[in-house]
Amino acid sequence: MNYSVGQVAGFAGVTVRTLHHYDAIGLLVPSERSHAGHRRYSDADLDRLQQILFYRELGFPLEEVAALLDDPDADPRAHLRRQHDLLTARIEKLQKMAEAVEHALEARRMGINLTPEEKFEVFGDFDPDQYEDEVRDRWGDTDAYRQSRQRAASYTKEDWQRIQREADELTRRFVALMEAGESADSDAAMDAAEEHRRWLSRNHFDCGYDMHTCIGEMYVADERFTHNIDQAKPGLAAYQRQAILANAARHTS
C-alpha cells in the first residue's frame, strides 16, 4: 500500500504543507514517487510520521526528532521504552497541573478571592490560606466551614479590610481591659467576648456558644494561635479564653 500526500495529511491530522516541509528537510522523505513525480508514502513512512508527531507533541525540536529517529544504535524497543518514559513523565506533570488548576478554581469559588498583593495589603505578613489544608481536614465536613468558605468567596478587598479593622478593634479592647486590671470574668470582659462571638457570626459563620467555647480553648491549646494572639500583649490568648468561657456560661447557665 502507498498513499498520497493528501491521504497521509488526512490520516495524521497535519497539513500538506507540513509534510512538504518534512520532506524538504529530510525528516520524512516519501519512499516512492509516482510517474508524475507525486509523493507516495508507504506504511513504514506512516510509522515514522507517527514517531515524529509523538516527539513533536512533547515539544522536541525537529533537529532532535531527526537525531532520535536516525540513531543507528537505537532499535524499535528502545524507542518504545523512551516513549513510555516520556509519556509517564508527561502524565505526572499534567496531573500536577490539573491539581493546581483545580485548587485554584476551588480557591476562586470558595475561598479568599484576592490577589497576592491585596492579601498582603489586608493581612500583612499573615497568610490566611497558610493552614487551609489543616482546617479542611479538621472541619471540612461542618456547616460552619462551608458557611465560612461561601462568605469568604463573596468578599472584596474592602470587605476584608473592614473585617480586619473590626478584629483589630476587638484586640485593642481586650488589651485595654487587661491593662485596666479587669478580670476575665468581669462584665466588661464578657461583653467584649460576646462582641467577638457576634463578629464571628457576622463575618464568618454562625457561632453559637458551644462553638465559641471551642475556639477559646483552641487559643491556648494550639501554640500557633497563642503566639499570634500574644503578639498584641503577653497573656492575651489565655485572657480571651477565660472571657469567652465566662461569657458562654453567663448565657447558657
C-alpha atoms as a PDB file:
ATOM      1  CA  MET A   1       0.000   0.000   0.000  1.00  0.00           C
ATOM      2  CA  ASN A   2       1.110   3.540  -0.651  1.00  0.00           C
ATOM      3  CA  TYR A   3      -0.677   6.774  -0.026  1.00  0.00           C
ATOM      4  CA  SER A   4      -0.812  10.245  -1.488  1.00  0.00           C
ATOM      5  CA  VAL A   5       0.296  13.279   0.464  1.00  0.00           C
ATOM      6  CA  GLY A   6      -3.332  14.340   0.847  1.00  0.00           C
ATOM      7  CA  GLN A   7      -4.340  10.971   2.267  1.00  0.00           C
ATOM      8  CA  VAL A   8      -1.460  10.989   4.747  1.00  0.00           C
ATOM      9  CA  ALA A   9      -2.286  14.535   5.810  1.00  0.00           C
ATOM     10  CA  GLY A  10      -5.858  13.408   6.495  1.00  0.00           C
ATOM     11  CA  PHE A  11      -4.755  10.305   8.410  1.00  0.00           C
ATOM     12  CA  ALA A  12      -2.306  12.182  10.616  1.00  0.00           C
ATOM     13  CA  GLY A  13      -4.216  15.418  11.140  1.00  0.00           C
ATOM     14  CA  VAL A  14      -1.423  17.569   9.692  1.00  0.00           C
ATOM     15  CA  THR A  15      -1.285  19.875   6.709  1.00  0.00           C
ATOM     16  CA  VAL A  16       0.094  19.003   3.304  1.00  0.00           C
ATOM     17  CA  ARG A  17       2.469  21.924   3.760  1.00  0.00           C
ATOM     18  CA  THR A  18       3.870  20.280   6.909  1.00  0.00           C
ATOM     19  CA  LEU A  19       4.548  17.044   5.004  1.00  0.00           C
ATOM     20  CA  HIS A  20       6.236  19.002   2.234  1.00  0.00           C
ATOM     21  CA  HIS A  21       8.444  20.673   4.832  1.00  0.00           C
ATOM     22  CA  TYR A  22       9.363  17.357   6.457  1.00  0.00           C
ATOM     23  CA  ASP A  23      10.341  16.080   3.037  1.00  0.00           C
ATOM     24  CA  ALA A  24      12.397  19.180   2.254  1.00  0.00           C
ATOM     25  CA  ILE A  25      14.488  18.888   5.440  1.00  0.00           C
ATOM     26  CA  GLY A  26      14.906  15.126   5.108  1.00  0.00           C
ATOM     27  CA  LEU A  27      12.886  14.254   8.195  1.00  0.00           C
ATOM     28  CA  LEU A  28      10.219  12.280   6.333  1.00  0.00           C
ATOM     29  CA  VAL A  29      11.088  11.528   2.730  1.00  0.00           C
ATOM     30  CA  PRO A  30       8.369   9.517   0.984  1.00  0.00           C
ATOM     31  CA  SER A  31       9.522   6.106  -0.157  1.00  0.00           C
ATOM     32  CA  GLU A  32       8.199   6.472  -3.670  1.00  0.00           C
ATOM     33  CA  ARG A  33       7.213   8.929  -6.338  1.00  0.00           C
ATOM     34  CA  SER A  34       4.542   8.452  -8.940  1.00  0.00           C
ATOM     35  CA  HIS A  35       5.335   8.684 -12.648  1.00  0.00           C
ATOM     36  CA  ALA A  36       4.157  12.272 -12.432  1.00  0.00           C
ATOM     37  CA  GLY A  37       6.545  12.955  -9.544  1.00  0.00           C
ATOM     38  CA  HIS A  38       3.900  12.994  -6.807  1.00  0.00           C
ATOM     39  CA  ARG A  39       4.868  11.848  -3.318  1.00  0.00           C
ATOM     40  CA  ARG A  40       3.722   8.353  -2.325  1.00  0.00           C
ATOM     41  CA  TYR A  41       4.008   7.206   1.316  1.00  0.00           C
ATOM     42  CA  SER A  42       4.389   3.602   2.494  1.00  0.00           C
ATOM     43  CA  ASP A  43       3.230   2.014   5.745  1.00  0.00           C
ATOM     44  CA  ALA A  44       6.794   2.390   7.041  1.00  0.00           C
ATOM     45  CA  ASP A  45       6.629   6.105   6.237  1.00  0.00           C
ATOM     46  CA  LEU A  46       3.428   6.361   8.239  1.00  0.00           C
ATOM     47  CA  ASP A  47       5.130   4.633  11.171  1.00  0.00           C
ATOM     48  CA  ARG A  48       7.951   7.182  11.014  1.00  0.00           C
ATOM     49  CA  LEU A  49       5.444  10.032  10.816  1.00  0.00           C
ATOM     50  CA  GLN A  50       3.739   8.693  13.924  1.00  0.00           C
ATOM     51  CA  GLN A  51       7.088   8.778  15.752  1.00  0.00           C
ATOM     52  CA  ILE A  52       7.736  12.329  14.546  1.00  0.00           C
ATOM     53  CA  LEU A  53       4.357  13.577  15.706  1.00  0.00           C
ATOM     54  CA  PHE A  54       4.785  11.897  19.081  1.00  0.00           C
ATOM     55  CA  TYR A  55       8.045  13.687  19.785  1.00  0.00           C
ATOM     56  CA  ARG A  56       6.706  16.953  18.415  1.00  0.00           C
ATOM     57  CA  GLU A  57       3.742  16.723  20.755  1.00  0.00           C
ATOM     58  CA  LEU A  58       6.193  16.508  23.636  1.00  0.00           C
ATOM     59  CA  GLY A  59       7.928  19.655  22.459  1.00  0.00           C
ATOM     60  CA  PHE A  60      11.023  18.202  20.826  1.00  0.00           C
ATOM     61  CA  PRO A  61      12.520  20.421  18.074  1.00  0.00           C
ATOM     62  CA  LEU A  62      12.714  18.879  14.619  1.00  0.00           C
ATOM     63  CA  GLU A  63      16.512  18.567  14.784  1.00  0.00           C
ATOM     64  CA  GLU A  64      16.291  16.428  17.934  1.00  0.00           C
ATOM     65  CA  VAL A  65      13.486  14.345  16.457  1.00  0.00           C
ATOM     66  CA  ALA A  66      15.644  13.570  13.432  1.00  0.00           C
ATOM     67  CA  ALA A  67      18.599  12.641  15.643  1.00  0.00           C
ATOM     68  CA  LEU A  68      16.434  10.300  17.740  1.00  0.00           C
ATOM     69  CA  LEU A  69      14.868   8.550  14.770  1.00  0.00           C
ATOM     70  CA  ASP A  70      18.076   8.206  12.800  1.00  0.00           C
ATOM     71  CA  ASP A  71      20.200   6.949  15.694  1.00  0.00           C
ATOM     72  CA  PRO A  72      21.899   3.848  14.274  1.00  0.00           C
ATOM     73  CA  ASP A  73      22.210   2.275  17.740  1.00  0.00           C
ATOM     74  CA  ALA A  74      18.512   2.582  18.557  1.00  0.00           C
ATOM     75  CA  ASP A  75      16.024  -0.184  17.921  1.00  0.00           C
ATOM     76  CA  PRO A  76      12.226  -0.127  17.955  1.00  0.00           C
ATOM     77  CA  ARG A  77      12.142  -1.369  21.532  1.00  0.00           C
ATOM     78  CA  ALA A  78      14.426   1.488  22.618  1.00  0.00           C
ATOM     79  CA  HIS A  79      12.021   3.970  21.027  1.00  0.00           C
ATOM     80  CA  LEU A  80       9.079   2.368  22.791  1.00  0.00           C
ATOM     81  CA  ARG A  81      10.848   2.464  26.150  1.00  0.00           C
ATOM     82  CA  ARG A  82      11.795   6.107  25.621  1.00  0.00           C
ATOM     83  CA  GLN A  83       8.259   6.984  24.630  1.00  0.00           C
ATOM     84  CA  HIS A  84       6.852   5.160  27.633  1.00  0.00           C
ATOM     85  CA  ASP A  85       9.172   7.065  29.979  1.00  0.00           C
ATOM     86  CA  LEU A  86       8.350  10.376  28.316  1.00  0.00           C
ATOM     87  CA  LEU A  87       4.628   9.720  28.455  1.00  0.00           C
ATOM     88  CA  THR A  88       4.812   8.720  32.109  1.00  0.00           C
ATOM     89  CA  ALA A  89       6.641  11.943  32.958  1.00  0.00           C
ATOM     90  CA  ARG A  90       4.176  13.951  30.881  1.00  0.00           C
ATOM     91  CA  ILE A  91       1.194  12.334  32.618  1.00  0.00           C
ATOM     92  CA  GLU A  92       2.648  13.100  36.055  1.00  0.00           C
ATOM     93  CA  LYS A  93       3.279  16.703  35.045  1.00  0.00           C
ATOM     94  CA  LEU A  94      -0.220  17.102  33.618  1.00  0.00           C
ATOM     95  CA  GLN A  95      -1.752  15.569  36.748  1.00  0.00           C
ATOM     96  CA  LYS A  96       0.105  18.083  38.895  1.00  0.00           C
ATOM     97  CA  MET A  97      -1.013  20.896  36.600  1.00  0.00           C
ATOM     98  CA  ALA A  98      -4.610  19.675  36.770  1.00  0.00           C
ATOM     99  CA  GLU A  99      -4.434  19.536  40.579  1.00  0.00           C
ATOM    100  CA  ALA A 100      -3.046  23.063  40.666  1.00  0.00           C
ATOM    101  CA  VAL A 101      -5.802  24.335  38.390  1.00  0.00           C
ATOM    102  CA  GLU A 102      -8.438  22.507  40.428  1.00  0.00           C
ATOM    103  CA  HIS A 103      -7.055  24.044  43.608  1.00  0.00           C
ATOM    104  CA  ALA A 104      -7.079  27.496  42.026  1.00  0.00           C
ATOM    105  CA  LEU A 105     -10.674  27.042  40.849  1.00  0.00           C
ATOM    106  CA  GLU A 106     -11.718  25.894  44.316  1.00  0.00           C
ATOM    107  CA  ALA A 107      -9.975  28.862  45.866  1.00  0.00           C
ATOM    108  CA  ARG A 108     -11.736  31.229  43.480  1.00  0.00           C
ATOM    109  CA  ARG A 109     -15.094  29.545  44.030  1.00  0.00           C
ATOM    110  CA  MET A 110     -14.983  29.040  47.773  1.00  0.00           C
ATOM    111  CA  GLY A 111     -12.051  30.977  49.189  1.00  0.00           C
ATOM    112  CA  ILE A 112     -10.490  34.366  49.672  1.00  0.00           C
ATOM    113  CA  ASN A 113     -10.694  35.905  46.229  1.00  0.00           C
ATOM    114  CA  LEU A 114      -7.779  38.331  46.482  1.00  0.00           C
ATOM    115  CA  THR A 115      -4.561  38.762  44.566  1.00  0.00           C
ATOM    116  CA  PRO A 116      -1.307  38.159  46.496  1.00  0.00           C
ATOM    117  CA  GLU A 117      -0.763  41.928  46.609  1.00  0.00           C
ATOM    118  CA  GLU A 118      -4.244  42.507  48.044  1.00  0.00           C
ATOM    119  CA  LYS A 119      -3.745  39.755  50.626  1.00  0.00           C
ATOM    120  CA  PHE A 120      -0.563  41.440  51.801  1.00  0.00           C
ATOM    121  CA  GLU A 121      -2.328  44.805  51.902  1.00  0.00           C
ATOM    122  CA  VAL A 122      -5.139  43.411  54.053  1.00  0.00           C
ATOM    123  CA  PHE A 123      -3.399  40.792  56.218  1.00  0.00           C
ATOM    124  CA  GLY A 124       0.246  41.883  56.179  1.00  0.00           C
ATOM    125  CA  ASP A 125       2.688  39.025  56.743  1.00  0.00           C
ATOM    126  CA  PHE A 126      -0.083  36.653  57.851  1.00  0.00           C
ATOM    127  CA  ASP A 127      -1.260  34.315  55.088  1.00  0.00           C
ATOM    128  CA  PRO A 128      -4.926  33.422  55.720  1.00  0.00           C
ATOM    129  CA  ASP A 129      -4.557  30.342  53.478  1.00  0.00           C
ATOM    130  CA  GLN A 130      -1.471  29.003  55.265  1.00  0.00           C
ATOM    131  CA  TYR A 131      -3.360  26.366  57.234  1.00  0.00           C
ATOM    132  CA  GLU A 132      -6.204  25.809  54.787  1.00  0.00           C
ATOM    133  CA  ASP A 133      -5.447  22.111  54.264  1.00  0.00           C
ATOM    134  CA  GLU A 134      -5.372  21.506  58.005  1.00  0.00           C
ATOM    135  CA  VAL A 135      -8.587  23.466  58.526  1.00  0.00           C
ATOM    136  CA  ARG A 136     -10.307  21.494  55.764  1.00  0.00           C
ATOM    137  CA  ASP A 137      -9.165  18.191  57.259  1.00  0.00           C
ATOM    138  CA  ARG A 138     -10.425  19.120  60.731  1.00  0.00           C
ATOM    139  CA  TRP A 139     -13.669  20.956  59.927  1.00  0.00           C
ATOM    140  CA  GLY A 140     -14.311  20.442  56.225  1.00  0.00           C
ATOM    141  CA  ASP A 141     -17.475  18.425  56.836  1.00  0.00           C
ATOM    142  CA  THR A 142     -19.074  21.004  59.148  1.00  0.00           C
ATOM    143  CA  ASP A 143     -21.711  23.596  58.309  1.00  0.00           C
ATOM    144  CA  ALA A 144     -19.519  26.289  59.874  1.00  0.00           C
ATOM    145  CA  TYR A 145     -16.671  25.541  57.450  1.00  0.00           C
ATOM    146  CA  ARG A 146     -18.941  25.551  54.411  1.00  0.00           C
ATOM    147  CA  GLN A 147     -20.624  28.760  55.515  1.00  0.00           C
ATOM    148  CA  SER A 148     -17.290  30.450  56.139  1.00  0.00           C
ATOM    149  CA  ARG A 149     -15.954  29.493  52.707  1.00  0.00           C
ATOM    150  CA  GLN A 150     -19.108  30.641  50.949  1.00  0.00           C
ATOM    151  CA  ARG A 151     -18.992  34.014  52.660  1.00  0.00           C
ATOM    152  CA  ALA A 152     -15.273  34.412  52.011  1.00  0.00           C
ATOM    153  CA  ALA A 153     -15.801  33.829  48.297  1.00  0.00           C
ATOM    154  CA  SER A 154     -18.078  36.868  48.086  1.00  0.00           C
ATOM    155  CA  TYR A 155     -15.899  39.345  49.991  1.00  0.00           C
ATOM    156  CA  THR A 156     -13.997  42.114  48.243  1.00  0.00           C
ATOM    157  CA  LYS A 157     -10.767  43.672  49.418  1.00  0.00           C
ATOM    158  CA  GLU A 158     -12.803  46.421  51.084  1.00  0.00           C
ATOM    159  CA  ASP A 159     -14.860  43.812  52.960  1.00  0.00           C
ATOM    160  CA  TRP A 160     -11.703  42.145  54.262  1.00  0.00           C
ATOM    161  CA  GLN A 161     -10.255  45.479  55.310  1.00  0.00           C
ATOM    162  CA  ARG A 162     -13.416  46.237  57.289  1.00  0.00           C
ATOM    163  CA  ILE A 163     -13.356  42.797  58.917  1.00  0.00           C
ATOM    164  CA  GLN A 164      -9.697  43.254  59.816  1.00  0.00           C
ATOM    165  CA  ARG A 165     -10.344  46.712  61.322  1.00  0.00           C
ATOM    166  CA  GLU A 166     -13.105  45.257  63.476  1.00  0.00           C
ATOM    167  CA  ALA A 167     -10.809  42.439  64.596  1.00  0.00           C
ATOM    168  CA  ASP A 168      -8.060  44.898  65.481  1.00  0.00           C
ATOM    169  CA  GLU A 169     -10.526  46.992  67.455  1.00  0.00           C
ATOM    170  CA  LEU A 170     -11.621  43.929  69.437  1.00  0.00           C
ATOM    171  CA  THR A 171      -7.981  43.118  70.175  1.00  0.00           C
ATOM    172  CA  ARG A 172      -7.376  46.657  71.437  1.00  0.00           C
ATOM    173  CA  ARG A 173     -10.499  46.372  73.580  1.00  0.00           C
ATOM    174  CA  PHE A 174      -9.271  43.187  75.258  1.00  0.00           C
ATOM    175  CA  VAL A 175      -5.788  44.642  75.760  1.00  0.00           C
ATOM    176  CA  ALA A 176      -7.254  47.760  77.368  1.00  0.00           C
ATOM    177  CA  LEU A 177      -9.296  45.615  79.756  1.00  0.00           C
ATOM    178  CA  MET A 178      -6.231  43.617  80.746  1.00  0.00           C
ATOM    179  CA  GLU A 179      -4.199  46.782  81.339  1.00  0.00           C
ATOM    180  CA  ALA A 180      -7.052  48.274  83.376  1.00  0.00           C
ATOM    181  CA  GLY A 181      -6.955  45.224  85.663  1.00  0.00           C
ATOM    182  CA  GLU A 182     -10.399  43.922  84.702  1.00  0.00           C
ATOM    183  CA  SER A 183     -10.736  40.235  85.466  1.00  0.00           C
ATOM    184  CA  ALA A 184     -11.549  37.922  82.572  1.00  0.00           C
ATOM    185  CA  ASP A 185     -14.943  37.086  84.112  1.00  0.00           C
ATOM    186  CA  SER A 186     -15.942  40.718  84.655  1.00  0.00           C
ATOM    187  CA  ASP A 187     -18.963  42.085  82.829  1.00  0.00           C
ATOM    188  CA  ALA A 188     -16.746  44.266  80.638  1.00  0.00           C
ATOM    189  CA  ALA A 189     -14.562  41.332  79.570  1.00  0.00           C
ATOM    190  CA  MET A 190     -17.566  39.087  78.961  1.00  0.00           C
ATOM    191  CA  ASP A 191     -19.183  41.861  76.902  1.00  0.00           C
ATOM    192  CA  ALA A 192     -16.030  42.007  74.769  1.00  0.00           C
ATOM    193  CA  ALA A 193     -16.179  38.228  74.360  1.00  0.00           C
ATOM    194  CA  GLU A 194     -19.811  38.473  73.306  1.00  0.00           C
ATOM    195  CA  GLU A 195     -18.894  41.087  70.698  1.00  0.00           C
ATOM    196  CA  HIS A 196     -16.153  38.744  69.466  1.00  0.00           C
ATOM    197  CA  ARG A 197     -18.730  35.957  69.049  1.00  0.00           C
ATOM    198  CA  ARG A 198     -21.046  38.306  67.156  1.00  0.00           C
ATOM    199  CA  TRP A 199     -18.163  39.438  64.960  1.00  0.00           C
ATOM    200  CA  LEU A 200     -17.539  35.816  64.004  1.00  0.00           C
ATOM    201  CA  SER A 201     -21.237  35.306  63.283  1.00  0.00           C
ATOM    202  CA  ARG A 202     -21.497  38.447  61.160  1.00  0.00           C
ATOM    203  CA  ASN A 203     -18.445  37.809  59.067  1.00  0.00           C
ATOM    204  CA  HIS A 204     -17.553  34.119  59.041  1.00  0.00           C
ATOM    205  CA  PHE A 205     -20.121  31.610  60.318  1.00  0.00           C
ATOM    206  CA  ASP A 206     -22.989  31.322  62.757  1.00  0.00           C
ATOM    207  CA  CYS A 207     -21.074  30.974  66.012  1.00  0.00           C
ATOM    208  CA  GLY A 208     -23.045  29.605  68.938  1.00  0.00           C
ATOM    209  CA  TYR A 209     -21.707  29.477  72.471  1.00  0.00           C
ATOM    210  CA  ASP A 210     -20.501  25.886  72.202  1.00  0.00           C
ATOM    211  CA  MET A 211     -18.545  26.735  69.084  1.00  0.00           C
ATOM    212  CA  HIS A 212     -17.208  29.912  70.660  1.00  0.00           C
ATOM    213  CA  THR A 213     -16.017  27.918  73.668  1.00  0.00           C
ATOM    214  CA  CYS A 214     -14.155  25.526  71.364  1.00  0.00           C
ATOM    215  CA  ILE A 215     -12.482  28.485  69.686  1.00  0.00           C
ATOM    216  CA  GLY A 216     -11.464  29.917  73.040  1.00  0.00           C
ATOM    217  CA  GLU A 217      -9.933  26.614  74.075  1.00  0.00           C
ATOM    218  CA  MET A 218      -8.022  26.449  70.808  1.00  0.00           C
ATOM    219  CA  TYR A 219      -6.475  29.847  71.552  1.00  0.00           C
ATOM    220  CA  VAL A 220      -4.412  28.253  74.309  1.00  0.00           C
ATOM    221  CA  ALA A 221      -4.283  24.618  73.142  1.00  0.00           C
ATOM    222  CA  ASP A 222      -2.635  25.477  69.821  1.00  0.00           C
ATOM    223  CA  GLU A 223       0.625  27.327  70.362  1.00  0.00           C
ATOM    224  CA  ARG A 224       0.350  28.896  66.909  1.00  0.00           C
ATOM    225  CA  PHE A 225      -2.820  30.717  67.944  1.00  0.00           C
ATOM    226  CA  THR A 226      -1.309  31.604  71.302  1.00  0.00           C
ATOM    227  CA  HIS A 227       1.825  33.043  69.710  1.00  0.00           C
ATOM    228  CA  ASN A 228      -0.147  35.083  67.192  1.00  0.00           C
ATOM    229  CA  ILE A 229      -2.625  36.499  69.740  1.00  0.00           C
ATOM    230  CA  ASP A 230       0.003  37.193  72.391  1.00  0.00           C
ATOM    231  CA  GLN A 231       1.901  39.416  69.984  1.00  0.00           C
ATOM    232  CA  ALA A 232      -0.588  42.141  70.946  1.00  0.00           C
ATOM    233  CA  LYS A 233       0.058  41.525  74.654  1.00  0.00           C
ATOM    234  CA  PRO A 234       1.566  38.571  76.505  1.00  0.00           C
ATOM    235  CA  GLY A 235      -1.163  36.512  78.133  1.00  0.00           C
ATOM    236  CA  LEU A 236      -3.906  37.849  75.846  1.00  0.00           C
ATOM    237  CA  ALA A 237      -4.808  34.414  74.450  1.00  0.00           C
ATOM    238  CA  ALA A 238      -5.441  32.996  77.917  1.00  0.00           C
ATOM    239  CA  TYR A 239      -7.365  36.132  78.927  1.00  0.00           C
ATOM    240  CA  GLN A 240      -9.621  35.882  75.877  1.00  0.00           C
ATOM    241  CA  ARG A 241     -10.208  32.197  76.519  1.00  0.00           C
ATOM    242  CA  GLN A 242     -11.314  32.879  80.090  1.00  0.00           C
ATOM    243  CA  ALA A 243     -13.583  35.705  78.972  1.00  0.00           C
ATOM    244  CA  ILE A 244     -15.134  33.549  76.238  1.00  0.00           C
ATOM    245  CA  LEU A 245     -15.805  30.677  78.654  1.00  0.00           C
ATOM    246  CA  ALA A 246     -17.272  33.026  81.260  1.00  0.00           C
ATOM    247  CA  ASN A 247     -19.497  34.674  78.669  1.00  0.00           C
ATOM    248  CA  ALA A 248     -20.735  31.296  77.402  1.00  0.00           C
ATOM    249  CA  ALA A 249     -21.567  30.234  80.950  1.00  0.00           C
ATOM    250  CA  ARG A 250     -23.384  33.523  81.527  1.00  0.00           C
ATOM    251  CA  HIS A 251     -25.647  32.926  78.536  1.00  0.00           C
ATOM    252  CA  THR A 252     -26.204  29.188  78.824  1.00  0.00           C
ATOM    253  CA  SER A 253     -26.482  28.585  82.553  1.00  0.00           C
END
